[in-house]
């Protein structure tokens, strides 16, 4: 979400004022034309001005004569699938309108990857024993990665997918996380903290949230560094009507021998040096809100316990492989690998 006030211009403004404003928003080169009641009337680009001048419009004309009345806009509750289509069409700025056609926010689709209707829980209470001594005085989520802490890298990615409400479960040195991130207002989001008096595992903190406002919840570990596509995982959950969607990491093993398929003592086939792919848990989940009621209140409970329970009940659980990079920053070498990746990303 971007500050759109510089992109506003009144429908009776003159052409010179419009050109000055377009110069001020050179990154997007788009103005939103509004009337005296702040209602959106059209959009204006330098291309609209050129086309108007070619048609013979005088320089003294106001912007309403140059603006385009054909533009894309959305209202709150806009389907994720349609947002994805607009992004693929090359729409750059997408205004969100209230019932009076006034702009409430503007999404920059060059930076915004989606508008997922999800609240998120980030698990950030762990001790980080394997990263000692780095974590003796700093909680693992606050270790620097690039120019900001690990957890902030994850939060910024969540924001890029439209997530605006985040819960963070904290325990070990949690005060440092709270002091650094605050209530989230500096990033235009809301952050609430869940204190674990005793360790609650990888899912127990979900039971301490009184009322999630979205139908699905994103749960993730705080010590991940990944470019996982949360939109793909969410859409996969919806398409399959799954209770939980799990992000996974493909892990392939090459067997250096020819492998027989056998039935008792009979050979039924031969695979020559096969590559066997397994799917490892990536620590990212999208849950149907209804399954949270199965988590015991304020008790140690892992997300794998919930998965086992749902599988035993015959519930449908899907997985979505991560195509890009993924690092679980649990050991010193993992931390070094993540630092190398982000260094190269910053040079791109």
C-alpha atoms as a PDB file:
ATOM      1  CA  UNK A   1       0.000   0.000   0.000  1.00  0.00           C
ATOM      2  CA  UNK A   2       1.409   3.370  -0.990  1.00  0.00           C
ATOM      3  CA  UNK A   3       0.800   7.016  -0.082  1.00  0.00           C
ATOM      4  CA  UNK A   4      -1.440   8.106  -2.938  1.00  0.00           C
ATOM      5  CA  UNK A   5      -2.036  11.764  -1.989  1.00  0.00           C
ATOM      6  CA  UNK A   6       0.593  13.003  -4.460  1.00  0.00           C
ATOM      7  CA  UNK A   7      -1.256  11.146  -7.212  1.00  0.00           C
ATOM      8  CA  UNK A   8      -4.518  13.071  -6.716  1.00  0.00           C
ATOM      9  CA  UNK A   9      -5.595  15.958  -8.916  1.00  0.00           C
ATOM     10  CA  UNK A  10      -8.894  17.823  -9.153  1.00  0.00           C
ATOM     11  CA  UNK A  11     -10.895  17.412 -12.355  1.00  0.00           C
ATOM     12  CA  UNK A  12     -10.874  21.184 -12.977  1.00  0.00           C
ATOM     13  CA  UNK A  13      -7.116  21.573 -12.571  1.00  0.00           C
ATOM     14  CA  UNK A  14      -5.158  22.929 -15.497  1.00  0.00           C
ATOM     15  CA  UNK A  15      -2.783  21.049 -17.766  1.00  0.00           C
ATOM     16  CA  UNK A  16       0.364  22.718 -16.384  1.00  0.00           C
ATOM     17  CA  UNK A  17      -0.534  21.649 -12.849  1.00  0.00           C
ATOM     18  CA  UNK A  18      -1.067  18.106 -14.116  1.00  0.00           C
ATOM     19  CA  UNK A  19       2.348  18.037 -15.803  1.00  0.00           C
ATOM     20  CA  UNK A  20       4.021  19.270 -12.619  1.00  0.00           C
ATOM     21  CA  UNK A  21       2.270  16.579 -10.590  1.00  0.00           C
ATOM     22  CA  UNK A  22       3.192  13.872 -13.101  1.00  0.00           C
ATOM     23  CA  UNK A  23       6.788  14.934 -12.790  1.00  0.00           C
ATOM     24  CA  UNK A  24       6.519  14.574  -9.013  1.00  0.00           C
ATOM     25  CA  UNK A  25       5.227  10.992  -9.384  1.00  0.00           C
ATOM     26  CA  UNK A  26       7.691   9.968 -12.080  1.00  0.00           C
ATOM     27  CA  UNK A  27       7.885   6.442 -10.666  1.00  0.00           C
ATOM     28  CA  UNK A  28       4.266   5.683 -11.577  1.00  0.00           C
ATOM     29  CA  UNK A  29       3.363   8.492 -14.050  1.00  0.00           C
ATOM     30  CA  UNK A  30      -0.316   8.196 -13.108  1.00  0.00           C
ATOM     31  CA  UNK A  31      -2.728  10.683 -11.541  1.00  0.00           C
ATOM     32  CA  UNK A  32      -6.170   9.961 -10.105  1.00  0.00           C
ATOM     33  CA  UNK A  33      -8.688  12.607 -11.117  1.00  0.00           C
ATOM     34  CA  UNK A  34     -11.239  13.399  -8.403  1.00  0.00           C
ATOM     35  CA  UNK A  35     -14.192  15.782  -8.111  1.00  0.00           C
ATOM     36  CA  UNK A  36     -15.083  18.166  -5.297  1.00  0.00           C
ATOM     37  CA  UNK A  37     -16.520  15.280  -3.228  1.00  0.00           C
ATOM     38  CA  UNK A  38     -13.271  13.257  -3.599  1.00  0.00           C
ATOM     39  CA  UNK A  39     -14.935  10.699  -5.886  1.00  0.00           C
ATOM     40  CA  UNK A  40     -12.709   9.113  -8.511  1.00  0.00           C
ATOM     41  CA  UNK A  41     -13.610  10.305 -12.019  1.00  0.00           C
ATOM     42  CA  UNK A  42     -10.747   8.973 -14.100  1.00  0.00           C
ATOM     43  CA  UNK A  43      -7.006   8.531 -14.455  1.00  0.00           C
ATOM     44  CA  UNK A  44      -4.436  10.671 -16.226  1.00  0.00           C
ATOM     45  CA  UNK A  45      -1.063   9.709 -17.678  1.00  0.00           C
ATOM     46  CA  UNK A  46       1.390  11.513 -19.936  1.00  0.00           C
ATOM     47  CA  UNK A  47       0.055   9.322 -22.740  1.00  0.00           C
ATOM     48  CA  UNK A  48      -3.476  10.660 -22.140  1.00  0.00           C
ATOM     49  CA  UNK A  49      -2.135  14.204 -22.417  1.00  0.00           C
ATOM     50  CA  UNK A  50      -0.291  13.463 -25.672  1.00  0.00           C
ATOM     51  CA  UNK A  51      -3.378  11.858 -27.186  1.00  0.00           C
ATOM     52  CA  UNK A  52      -5.514  14.841 -26.165  1.00  0.00           C
ATOM     53  CA  UNK A  53      -3.122  17.339 -27.713  1.00  0.00           C
ATOM     54  CA  UNK A  54      -2.975  15.319 -30.945  1.00  0.00           C
ATOM     55  CA  UNK A  55      -6.781  15.460 -31.063  1.00  0.00           C
ATOM     56  CA  UNK A  56      -6.543  19.245 -30.868  1.00  0.00           C
ATOM     57  CA  UNK A  57      -7.450  19.940 -27.252  1.00  0.00           C
ATOM     58  CA  UNK A  58      -6.138  23.402 -26.289  1.00  0.00           C
ATOM     59  CA  UNK A  59      -3.496  23.841 -23.573  1.00  0.00           C
ATOM     60  CA  UNK A  60      -6.079  25.795 -21.583  1.00  0.00           C
ATOM     61  CA  UNK A  61      -8.271  22.687 -21.157  1.00  0.00           C
ATOM     62  CA  UNK A  62      -8.702  21.199 -17.707  1.00  0.00           C
ATOM     63  CA  UNK A  63      -7.641  17.657 -16.914  1.00  0.00           C
ATOM     64  CA  UNK A  64     -11.169  16.236 -17.104  1.00  0.00           C
ATOM     65  CA  UNK A  65     -10.960  16.652 -20.890  1.00  0.00           C
ATOM     66  CA  UNK A  66      -7.738  14.637 -21.074  1.00  0.00           C
ATOM     67  CA  UNK A  67      -8.411  11.916 -18.478  1.00  0.00           C
ATOM     68  CA  UNK A  68      -9.336   8.334 -19.246  1.00  0.00           C
ATOM     69  CA  UNK A  69     -12.645   7.155 -17.843  1.00  0.00           C
ATOM     70  CA  UNK A  70     -11.696   3.524 -18.405  1.00  0.00           C
ATOM     71  CA  UNK A  71      -9.673   2.361 -15.432  1.00  0.00           C
ATOM     72  CA  UNK A  72      -9.397  -0.587 -13.075  1.00  0.00           C
ATOM     73  CA  UNK A  73     -10.463  -0.250  -9.454  1.00  0.00           C
ATOM     74  CA  UNK A  74     -11.524  -2.615  -6.694  1.00  0.00           C
ATOM     75  CA  UNK A  75     -13.529  -2.606  -3.496  1.00  0.00           C
ATOM     76  CA  UNK A  76     -12.672  -4.296  -0.204  1.00  0.00           C
ATOM     77  CA  UNK A  77     -13.174  -8.040  -0.383  1.00  0.00           C
ATOM     78  CA  UNK A  78     -11.943  -8.193  -3.971  1.00  0.00           C
ATOM     79  CA  UNK A  79     -11.164 -11.841  -4.910  1.00  0.00           C
ATOM     80  CA  UNK A  80      -7.492 -12.807  -4.892  1.00  0.00           C
ATOM     81  CA  UNK A  81      -7.907 -14.541  -8.250  1.00  0.00           C
ATOM     82  CA  UNK A  82      -9.059 -11.304  -9.919  1.00  0.00           C
ATOM     83  CA  UNK A  83      -6.217  -9.328  -8.343  1.00  0.00           C
ATOM     84  CA  UNK A  84      -3.804 -11.843  -9.845  1.00  0.00           C
ATOM     85  CA  UNK A  85      -5.381 -11.385 -13.289  1.00  0.00           C
ATOM     86  CA  UNK A  86      -5.024  -7.581 -13.114  1.00  0.00           C
ATOM     87  CA  UNK A  87      -1.376  -7.931 -12.130  1.00  0.00           C
ATOM     88  CA  UNK A  88      -0.813 -10.222 -15.117  1.00  0.00           C
ATOM     89  CA  UNK A  89      -2.523  -7.665 -17.387  1.00  0.00           C
ATOM     90  CA  UNK A  90       0.169  -5.144 -16.439  1.00  0.00           C
ATOM     91  CA  UNK A  91      -1.952  -2.822 -14.266  1.00  0.00           C
ATOM     92  CA  UNK A  92       0.490  -0.643 -12.284  1.00  0.00           C
ATOM     93  CA  UNK A  93      -1.640   1.212  -9.734  1.00  0.00           C
ATOM     94  CA  UNK A  94      -4.888  -0.200  -8.410  1.00  0.00           C
ATOM     95  CA  UNK A  95      -7.147   2.073  -6.323  1.00  0.00           C
ATOM     96  CA  UNK A  96      -9.465   0.662  -3.656  1.00  0.00           C
ATOM     97  CA  UNK A  97     -12.794   2.523  -3.544  1.00  0.00           C
ATOM     98  CA  UNK A  98     -15.438   2.825  -0.853  1.00  0.00           C
ATOM     99  CA  UNK A  99     -19.172   2.749  -1.648  1.00  0.00           C
ATOM    100  CA  UNK A 100     -19.029   6.453  -2.564  1.00  0.00           C
ATOM    101  CA  UNK A 101     -16.247   5.822  -5.149  1.00  0.00           C
ATOM    102  CA  UNK A 102     -13.676   7.586  -2.979  1.00  0.00           C
ATOM    103  CA  UNK A 103     -10.138   6.198  -2.831  1.00  0.00           C
ATOM    104  CA  UNK A 104      -9.265   4.564   0.482  1.00  0.00           C
ATOM    105  CA  UNK A 105      -5.926   3.062  -0.529  1.00  0.00           C
ATOM    106  CA  UNK A 106      -3.840   2.380  -3.612  1.00  0.00           C
ATOM    107  CA  UNK A 107      -1.870  -0.781  -4.361  1.00  0.00           C
ATOM    108  CA  UNK A 108       1.343  -0.570  -6.366  1.00  0.00           C
ATOM    109  CA  UNK A 109       1.183  -3.798  -8.383  1.00  0.00           C
ATOM    110  CA  UNK A 110       4.848  -3.591  -9.327  1.00  0.00           C
ATOM    111  CA  UNK A 111       5.641  -4.118  -5.639  1.00  0.00           C
ATOM    112  CA  UNK A 112       2.481  -5.723  -4.243  1.00  0.00           C
ATOM    113  CA  UNK A 113       2.279  -9.449  -4.981  1.00  0.00           C
ATOM    114  CA  UNK A 114      -1.266 -10.066  -3.731  1.00  0.00           C
ATOM    115  CA  UNK A 115      -3.996  -9.002  -1.280  1.00  0.00           C
ATOM    116  CA  UNK A 116      -4.466 -12.185   0.699  1.00  0.00           C
ATOM    117  CA  UNK A 117      -7.389 -12.154   3.177  1.00  0.00           C
ATOM    118  CA  UNK A 118      -5.252 -13.716   5.896  1.00  0.00           C
ATOM    119  CA  UNK A 119      -4.137 -12.958   9.399  1.00  0.00           C
ATOM    120  CA  UNK A 120      -0.764 -14.382  10.334  1.00  0.00           C
ATOM    121  CA  UNK A 121       0.889 -15.914  13.384  1.00  0.00           C
ATOM    122  CA  UNK A 122       4.714 -15.839  13.481  1.00  0.00           C
ATOM    123  CA  UNK A 123       6.346 -18.204  15.976  1.00  0.00           C
ATOM    124  CA  UNK A 124       9.240 -16.283  17.540  1.00  0.00           C
ATOM    125  CA  UNK A 125       9.669 -17.621  21.053  1.00  0.00           C
ATOM    126  CA  UNK A 126      12.480 -20.144  20.584  1.00  0.00           C
ATOM    127  CA  UNK A 127      15.883 -20.031  22.290  1.00  0.00           C
ATOM    128  CA  UNK A 128      18.036 -20.643  19.199  1.00  0.00           C
ATOM    129  CA  UNK A 129      20.428 -22.980  21.008  1.00  0.00           C
ATOM    130  CA  UNK A 130      22.260 -24.123  17.857  1.00  0.00           C
ATOM    131  CA  UNK A 131      23.182 -20.536  16.992  1.00  0.00           C
ATOM    132  CA  UNK A 132      24.893 -19.778  20.287  1.00  0.00           C
ATOM    133  CA  UNK A 133      26.799 -17.616  21.126  1.00  0.00           C
ATOM    134  CA  UNK A 134      25.012 -15.329  18.609  1.00  0.00           C
ATOM    135  CA  UNK A 135      21.734 -15.836  20.461  1.00  0.00           C
ATOM    136  CA  UNK A 136      23.069 -15.442  24.001  1.00  0.00           C
ATOM    137  CA  UNK A 137      21.990 -11.801  24.113  1.00  0.00           C
ATOM    138  CA  UNK A 138      19.846 -11.480  20.960  1.00  0.00           C
ATOM    139  CA  UNK A 139      16.777 -13.590  20.083  1.00  0.00           C
ATOM    140  CA  UNK A 140      17.268 -15.530  16.862  1.00  0.00           C
ATOM    141  CA  UNK A 141      14.527 -13.644  14.930  1.00  0.00           C
ATOM    142  CA  UNK A 142      16.421 -10.393  15.606  1.00  0.00           C
ATOM    143  CA  UNK A 143      19.738 -11.542  14.099  1.00  0.00           C
ATOM    144  CA  UNK A 144      20.590  -9.196  11.201  1.00  0.00           C
ATOM    145  CA  UNK A 145      20.042 -10.409   7.657  1.00  0.00           C
ATOM    146  CA  UNK A 146      20.994  -7.742   5.165  1.00  0.00           C
ATOM    147  CA  UNK A 147      20.003  -4.366   6.566  1.00  0.00           C
ATOM    148  CA  UNK A 148      17.279  -5.647   8.913  1.00  0.00           C
ATOM    149  CA  UNK A 149      16.515  -8.542  11.265  1.00  0.00           C
ATOM    150  CA  UNK A 150      15.399 -11.964  10.031  1.00  0.00           C
ATOM    151  CA  UNK A 151      11.856 -11.455  11.318  1.00  0.00           C
ATOM    152  CA  UNK A 152      11.516  -8.072   9.593  1.00  0.00           C
ATOM    153  CA  UNK A 153      12.485  -9.628   6.266  1.00  0.00           C
ATOM    154  CA  UNK A 154       9.606 -12.062   6.752  1.00  0.00           C
ATOM    155  CA  UNK A 155       7.151  -9.372   7.823  1.00  0.00           C
ATOM    156  CA  UNK A 156       7.977  -7.213   4.799  1.00  0.00           C
ATOM    157  CA  UNK A 157       7.317 -10.184   2.529  1.00  0.00           C
ATOM    158  CA  UNK A 158       3.981 -10.812   4.238  1.00  0.00           C
ATOM    159  CA  UNK A 159       3.078  -7.167   3.684  1.00  0.00           C
ATOM    160  CA  UNK A 160       3.879  -7.534  -0.017  1.00  0.00           C
ATOM    161  CA  UNK A 161       1.221 -10.251  -0.117  1.00  0.00           C
ATOM    162  CA  UNK A 162      -1.369  -7.960   1.467  1.00  0.00           C
ATOM    163  CA  UNK A 163      -1.301  -9.303   5.024  1.00  0.00           C
ATOM    164  CA  UNK A 164      -2.016  -6.458   7.437  1.00  0.00           C
ATOM    165  CA  UNK A 165      -2.641  -8.205  10.790  1.00  0.00           C
ATOM    166  CA  UNK A 166       0.190 -10.209  12.361  1.00  0.00           C
ATOM    167  CA  UNK A 167       0.411 -11.955  15.718  1.00  0.00           C
ATOM    168  CA  UNK A 168       3.876 -12.768  17.029  1.00  0.00           C
ATOM    169  CA  UNK A 169       4.362 -15.351  19.773  1.00  0.00           C
ATOM    170  CA  UNK A 170       7.329 -14.408  21.966  1.00  0.00           C
ATOM    171  CA  UNK A 171       9.183 -15.813  24.948  1.00  0.00           C
ATOM    172  CA  UNK A 172      13.017 -15.769  24.968  1.00  0.00           C
ATOM    173  CA  UNK A 173      14.182 -12.106  24.957  1.00  0.00           C
ATOM    174  CA  UNK A 174      10.813 -11.193  23.480  1.00  0.00           C
ATOM    175  CA  UNK A 175      11.108  -7.628  24.778  1.00  0.00           C
ATOM    176  CA  UNK A 176      13.708  -6.922  22.078  1.00  0.00           C
ATOM    177  CA  UNK A 177      11.307  -7.997  19.331  1.00  0.00           C
ATOM    178  CA  UNK A 178       8.469  -5.906  20.773  1.00  0.00           C
ATOM    179  CA  UNK A 179      10.663  -2.842  21.207  1.00  0.00           C
ATOM    180  CA  UNK A 180      11.944  -3.056  17.628  1.00  0.00           C
ATOM    181  CA  UNK A 181       8.695  -3.806  15.766  1.00  0.00           C
ATOM    182  CA  UNK A 182       6.226  -1.999  18.043  1.00  0.00           C
ATOM    183  CA  UNK A 183       2.575  -2.128  17.052  1.00  0.00           C
ATOM    184  CA  UNK A 184       3.363  -2.287  13.327  1.00  0.00           C
ATOM    185  CA  UNK A 185       1.964   1.170  12.568  1.00  0.00           C
ATOM    186  CA  UNK A 186       5.275   2.316  11.066  1.00  0.00           C
ATOM    187  CA  UNK A 187       4.694  -0.288   8.347  1.00  0.00           C
ATOM    188  CA  UNK A 188       0.978   0.356   7.980  1.00  0.00           C
ATOM    189  CA  UNK A 189      -0.016  -2.923   9.654  1.00  0.00           C
ATOM    190  CA  UNK A 190      -1.160  -4.129  13.079  1.00  0.00           C
ATOM    191  CA  UNK A 191       1.045  -6.347  15.249  1.00  0.00           C
ATOM    192  CA  UNK A 192      -0.099  -8.039  18.449  1.00  0.00           C
ATOM    193  CA  UNK A 193       2.118 -10.125  20.717  1.00  0.00           C
ATOM    194  CA  UNK A 194       1.298 -13.434  22.378  1.00  0.00           C
ATOM    195  CA  UNK A 195       3.472 -14.119  25.431  1.00  0.00           C
ATOM    196  CA  UNK A 196       4.230 -17.764  26.132  1.00  0.00           C
ATOM    197  CA  UNK A 197       4.659 -18.197  29.905  1.00  0.00           C
ATOM    198  CA  UNK A 198       5.742 -21.763  29.139  1.00  0.00           C
ATOM    199  CA  UNK A 199       6.866 -23.135  25.763  1.00  0.00           C
ATOM    200  CA  UNK A 200       3.785 -23.919  23.653  1.00  0.00           C
ATOM    201  CA  UNK A 201       5.382 -25.703  20.710  1.00  0.00           C
ATOM    202  CA  UNK A 202       4.841 -24.702  17.100  1.00  0.00           C
ATOM    203  CA  UNK A 203       1.046 -24.352  17.271  1.00  0.00           C
ATOM    204  CA  UNK A 204       0.002 -23.855  20.899  1.00  0.00           C
ATOM    205  CA  UNK A 205       0.074 -20.055  20.721  1.00  0.00           C
ATOM    206  CA  UNK A 206      -2.772 -20.143  18.195  1.00  0.00           C
ATOM    207  CA  UNK A 207      -5.087 -21.167  21.054  1.00  0.00           C
ATOM    208  CA  UNK A 208      -4.377 -17.873  22.851  1.00  0.00           C
ATOM    209  CA  UNK A 209      -5.863 -15.657  20.132  1.00  0.00           C
ATOM    210  CA  UNK A 210      -9.466 -14.956  21.102  1.00  0.00           C
ATOM    211  CA  UNK A 211     -10.879 -14.329  17.663  1.00  0.00           C
ATOM    212  CA  UNK A 212      -9.161 -14.459  14.300  1.00  0.00           C
ATOM    213  CA  UNK A 213     -11.035 -12.256  11.825  1.00  0.00           C
ATOM    214  CA  UNK A 214     -10.191 -14.163   8.645  1.00  0.00           C
ATOM    215  CA  UNK A 215     -11.402 -17.592   7.533  1.00  0.00           C
ATOM    216  CA  UNK A 216      -7.842 -18.837   7.037  1.00  0.00           C
ATOM    217  CA  UNK A 217      -4.695 -18.223   9.090  1.00  0.00           C
ATOM    218  CA  UNK A 218      -1.093 -18.212   7.918  1.00  0.00           C
ATOM    219  CA  UNK A 219       1.254 -19.796  10.464  1.00  0.00           C
ATOM    220  CA  UNK A 220       5.014 -19.627   9.963  1.00  0.00           C
ATOM    221  CA  UNK A 221       8.302 -19.927  11.794  1.00  0.00           C
ATOM    222  CA  UNK A 222      10.182 -16.687  12.378  1.00  0.00           C
ATOM    223  CA  UNK A 223      13.634 -18.010  11.464  1.00  0.00           C
ATOM    224  CA  UNK A 224      12.946 -18.722   7.806  1.00  0.00           C
ATOM    225  CA  UNK A 225      14.444 -16.964   4.832  1.00  0.00           C
ATOM    226  CA  UNK A 226      12.458 -17.721   1.707  1.00  0.00           C
ATOM    227  CA  UNK A 227      10.748 -16.364  -1.383  1.00  0.00           C
ATOM    228  CA  UNK A 228       7.809 -18.740  -0.918  1.00  0.00           C
ATOM    229  CA  UNK A 229       4.686 -17.712  -2.835  1.00  0.00           C
ATOM    230  CA  UNK A 230       1.974 -17.375  -0.175  1.00  0.00           C
ATOM    231  CA  UNK A 231      -0.615 -16.629  -2.868  1.00  0.00           C
ATOM    232  CA  UNK A 232      -0.064 -19.978  -4.599  1.00  0.00           C
ATOM    233  CA  UNK A 233      -0.391 -21.832  -1.300  1.00  0.00           C
ATOM    234  CA  UNK A 234      -3.582 -19.952  -0.400  1.00  0.00           C
ATOM    235  CA  UNK A 235      -5.219 -20.523  -3.785  1.00  0.00           C
ATOM    236  CA  UNK A 236      -4.266 -24.195  -3.629  1.00  0.00           C
ATOM    237  CA  UNK A 237      -5.989 -24.484  -0.236  1.00  0.00           C
ATOM    238  CA  UNK A 238      -9.153 -22.851  -1.612  1.00  0.00           C
ATOM    239  CA  UNK A 239      -9.180 -24.881  -4.825  1.00  0.00           C
ATOM    240  CA  UNK A 240      -8.916 -28.158  -2.910  1.00  0.00           C
ATOM    241  CA  UNK A 241     -11.122 -27.102   0.022  1.00  0.00           C
ATOM    242  CA  UNK A 242      -8.286 -28.281   2.281  1.00  0.00           C
ATOM    243  CA  UNK A 243      -8.185 -27.945   6.053  1.00  0.00           C
ATOM    244  CA  UNK A 244      -4.473 -27.157   5.986  1.00  0.00           C
ATOM    245  CA  UNK A 245      -2.009 -26.314   3.231  1.00  0.00           C
ATOM    246  CA  UNK A 246       1.659 -26.989   3.986  1.00  0.00           C
ATOM    247  CA  UNK A 247       4.561 -25.394   2.116  1.00  0.00           C
ATOM    248  CA  UNK A 248       7.160 -28.059   1.354  1.00  0.00           C
ATOM    249  CA  UNK A 249      10.733 -28.326   0.120  1.00  0.00           C
ATOM    250  CA  UNK A 250      11.456 -30.898  -2.595  1.00  0.00           C
ATOM    251  CA  UNK A 251      14.392 -33.050  -1.459  1.00  0.00           C
ATOM    252  CA  UNK A 252      15.774 -35.444  -4.061  1.00  0.00           C
ATOM    253  CA  UNK A 253      18.018 -38.448  -3.517  1.00  0.00           C
ATOM    254  CA  UNK A 254      19.829 -40.166  -6.389  1.00  0.00           C
ATOM    255  CA  UNK A 255      20.248 -43.901  -5.870  1.00  0.00           C
ATOM    256  CA  UNK A 256      23.577 -44.942  -7.492  1.00  0.00           C
ATOM    257  CA  UNK A 257      22.378 -48.446  -8.393  1.00  0.00           C
ATOM    258  CA  UNK A 258      19.754 -50.134 -10.505  1.00  0.00           C
ATOM    259  CA  UNK A 259      16.741 -50.788  -8.287  1.00  0.00           C
ATOM    260  CA  UNK A 260      14.424 -53.758  -8.749  1.00  0.00           C
ATOM    261  CA  UNK A 261      10.714 -53.645  -8.177  1.00  0.00           C
ATOM    262  CA  UNK A 262       9.877 -56.958  -6.539  1.00  0.00           C
ATOM    263  CA  UNK A 263       6.804 -58.902  -5.466  1.00  0.00           C
ATOM    264  CA  UNK A 264       7.915 -61.564  -3.038  1.00  0.00           C
ATOM    265  CA  UNK A 265      10.814 -63.200  -4.955  1.00  0.00           C
ATOM    266  CA  UNK A 266       9.676 -62.091  -8.408  1.00  0.00           C
ATOM    267  CA  UNK A 267      11.277 -59.106 -10.163  1.00  0.00           C
ATOM    268  CA  UNK A 268       8.504 -57.035 -11.724  1.00  0.00           C
ATOM    269  CA  UNK A 269      10.550 -54.119 -13.005  1.00  0.00           C
ATOM    270  CA  UNK A 270      13.849 -52.275 -12.992  1.00  0.00           C
ATOM    271  CA  UNK A 271      14.680 -48.639 -12.332  1.00  0.00           C
ATOM    272  CA  UNK A 272      18.201 -47.651 -13.334  1.00  0.00           C
ATOM    273  CA  UNK A 273      19.726 -45.231 -10.811  1.00  0.00           C
ATOM    274  CA  UNK A 274      16.397 -43.590  -9.944  1.00  0.00           C
ATOM    275  CA  UNK A 275      15.989 -40.152  -8.406  1.00  0.00           C
ATOM    276  CA  UNK A 276      13.565 -40.273  -5.517  1.00  0.00           C
ATOM    277  CA  UNK A 277      11.938 -37.014  -4.417  1.00  0.00           C
ATOM    278  CA  UNK A 278      10.625 -36.452  -0.917  1.00  0.00           C
ATOM    279  CA  UNK A 279       8.888 -33.329   0.381  1.00  0.00           C
ATOM    280  CA  UNK A 280      10.179 -31.777   3.615  1.00  0.00           C
ATOM    281  CA  UNK A 281       8.185 -29.530   5.936  1.00  0.00           C
ATOM    282  CA  UNK A 282       9.040 -25.842   5.263  1.00  0.00           C
ATOM    283  CA  UNK A 283       7.456 -24.411   8.428  1.00  0.00           C
ATOM    284  CA  UNK A 284       4.757 -22.450   6.578  1.00  0.00           C
ATOM    285  CA  UNK A 285       1.071 -23.392   6.846  1.00  0.00           C
ATOM    286  CA  UNK A 286      -2.324 -22.015   5.915  1.00  0.00           C
ATOM    287  CA  UNK A 287      -5.041 -23.312   8.240  1.00  0.00           C
ATOM    288  CA  UNK A 288      -8.788 -23.225   8.017  1.00  0.00           C
ATOM    289  CA  UNK A 289      -9.747 -21.259  11.140  1.00  0.00           C
ATOM    290  CA  UNK A 290     -12.089 -24.050  12.237  1.00  0.00           C
ATOM    291  CA  UNK A 291      -9.231 -26.479  12.977  1.00  0.00           C
ATOM    292  CA  UNK A 292      -7.750 -24.151  15.624  1.00  0.00           C
ATOM    293  CA  UNK A 293     -10.473 -25.325  18.016  1.00  0.00           C
ATOM    294  CA  UNK A 294      -8.722 -28.711  18.053  1.00  0.00           C
ATOM    295  CA  UNK A 295      -5.611 -27.169  19.649  1.00  0.00           C
ATOM    296  CA  UNK A 296      -5.662 -27.500  23.479  1.00  0.00           C
ATOM    297  CA  UNK A 297      -5.763 -24.129  25.207  1.00  0.00           C
ATOM    298  CA  UNK A 298      -2.433 -22.794  26.476  1.00  0.00           C
ATOM    299  CA  UNK A 299      -0.687 -26.171  26.309  1.00  0.00           C
ATOM    300  CA  UNK A 300       2.372 -27.421  24.473  1.00  0.00           C
ATOM    301  CA  UNK A 301       1.173 -28.542  21.042  1.00  0.00           C
ATOM    302  CA  UNK A 302       3.099 -28.817  17.780  1.00  0.00           C
ATOM    303  CA  UNK A 303       1.651 -28.206  14.345  1.00  0.00           C
ATOM    304  CA  UNK A 304       2.683 -31.787  13.496  1.00  0.00           C
ATOM    305  CA  UNK A 305       0.382 -32.968  16.312  1.00  0.00           C
ATOM    306  CA  UNK A 306      -2.475 -31.141  14.602  1.00  0.00           C
ATOM    307  CA  UNK A 307      -1.550 -32.613  11.226  1.00  0.00           C
ATOM    308  CA  UNK A 308      -1.501 -36.122  12.697  1.00  0.00           C
ATOM    309  CA  UNK A 309      -4.890 -35.552  14.324  1.00  0.00           C
ATOM    310  CA  UNK A 310      -6.503 -34.287  11.125  1.00  0.00           C
ATOM    311  CA  UNK A 311      -5.008 -37.096   9.052  1.00  0.00           C
ATOM    312  CA  UNK A 312      -6.391 -39.657  11.533  1.00  0.00           C
ATOM    313  CA  UNK A 313      -9.820 -38.039  11.078  1.00  0.00           C
ATOM    314  CA  UNK A 314      -9.575 -38.333   7.312  1.00  0.00           C
ATOM    315  CA  UNK A 315      -9.381 -34.556   6.800  1.00  0.00           C
ATOM    316  CA  UNK A 316      -7.909 -33.242   3.548  1.00  0.00           C
ATOM    317  CA  UNK A 317      -4.427 -31.708   3.803  1.00  0.00           C
ATOM    318  CA  UNK A 318      -2.440 -30.551   0.795  1.00  0.00           C
ATOM    319  CA  UNK A 319       1.138 -29.481   0.211  1.00  0.00           C
ATOM    320  CA  UNK A 320       2.606 -26.851  -2.091  1.00  0.00           C
ATOM    321  CA  UNK A 321       6.301 -27.112  -3.089  1.00  0.00           C
ATOM    322  CA  UNK A 322       8.430 -23.969  -2.806  1.00  0.00           C
ATOM    323  CA  UNK A 323      10.038 -23.334  -6.178  1.00  0.00           C
ATOM    324  CA  UNK A 324      12.559 -20.673  -5.127  1.00  0.00           C
ATOM    325  CA  UNK A 325      14.901 -20.530  -2.159  1.00  0.00           C
ATOM    326  CA  UNK A 326      14.237 -21.578   1.416  1.00  0.00           C
ATOM    327  CA  UNK A 327      16.567 -21.642   4.412  1.00  0.00           C
ATOM    328  CA  UNK A 328      15.719 -22.664   7.957  1.00  0.00           C
ATOM    329  CA  UNK A 329      18.231 -20.561   9.890  1.00  0.00           C
ATOM    330  CA  UNK A 330      18.920 -23.087  12.611  1.00  0.00           C
ATOM    331  CA  UNK A 331      22.703 -23.405  12.486  1.00  0.00           C
ATOM    332  CA  UNK A 332      25.720 -21.208  11.792  1.00  0.00           C
ATOM    333  CA  UNK A 333      26.114 -22.436   8.199  1.00  0.00           C
ATOM    334  CA  UNK A 334      22.414 -21.791   7.469  1.00  0.00           C
ATOM    335  CA  UNK A 335      22.865 -18.221   8.682  1.00  0.00           C
ATOM    336  CA  UNK A 336      25.921 -17.744   6.440  1.00  0.00           C
ATOM    337  CA  UNK A 337      24.034 -19.175   3.443  1.00  0.00           C
ATOM    338  CA  UNK A 338      21.124 -16.771   4.021  1.00  0.00           C
ATOM    339  CA  UNK A 339      23.540 -13.842   4.220  1.00  0.00           C
ATOM    340  CA  UNK A 340      25.016 -14.811   0.846  1.00  0.00           C
ATOM    341  CA  UNK A 341      21.591 -15.023  -0.787  1.00  0.00           C
ATOM    342  CA  UNK A 342      20.418 -11.651   0.492  1.00  0.00           C
ATOM    343  CA  UNK A 343      23.737 -10.064  -0.526  1.00  0.00           C
ATOM    344  CA  UNK A 344      23.157 -11.139  -4.118  1.00  0.00           C
ATOM    345  CA  UNK A 345      19.488 -10.058  -3.999  1.00  0.00           C
ATOM    346  CA  UNK A 346      20.526  -6.568  -2.947  1.00  0.00           C
ATOM    347  CA  UNK A 347      22.927  -6.354  -5.899  1.00  0.00           C
ATOM    348  CA  UNK A 348      20.194  -7.234  -8.425  1.00  0.00           C
END
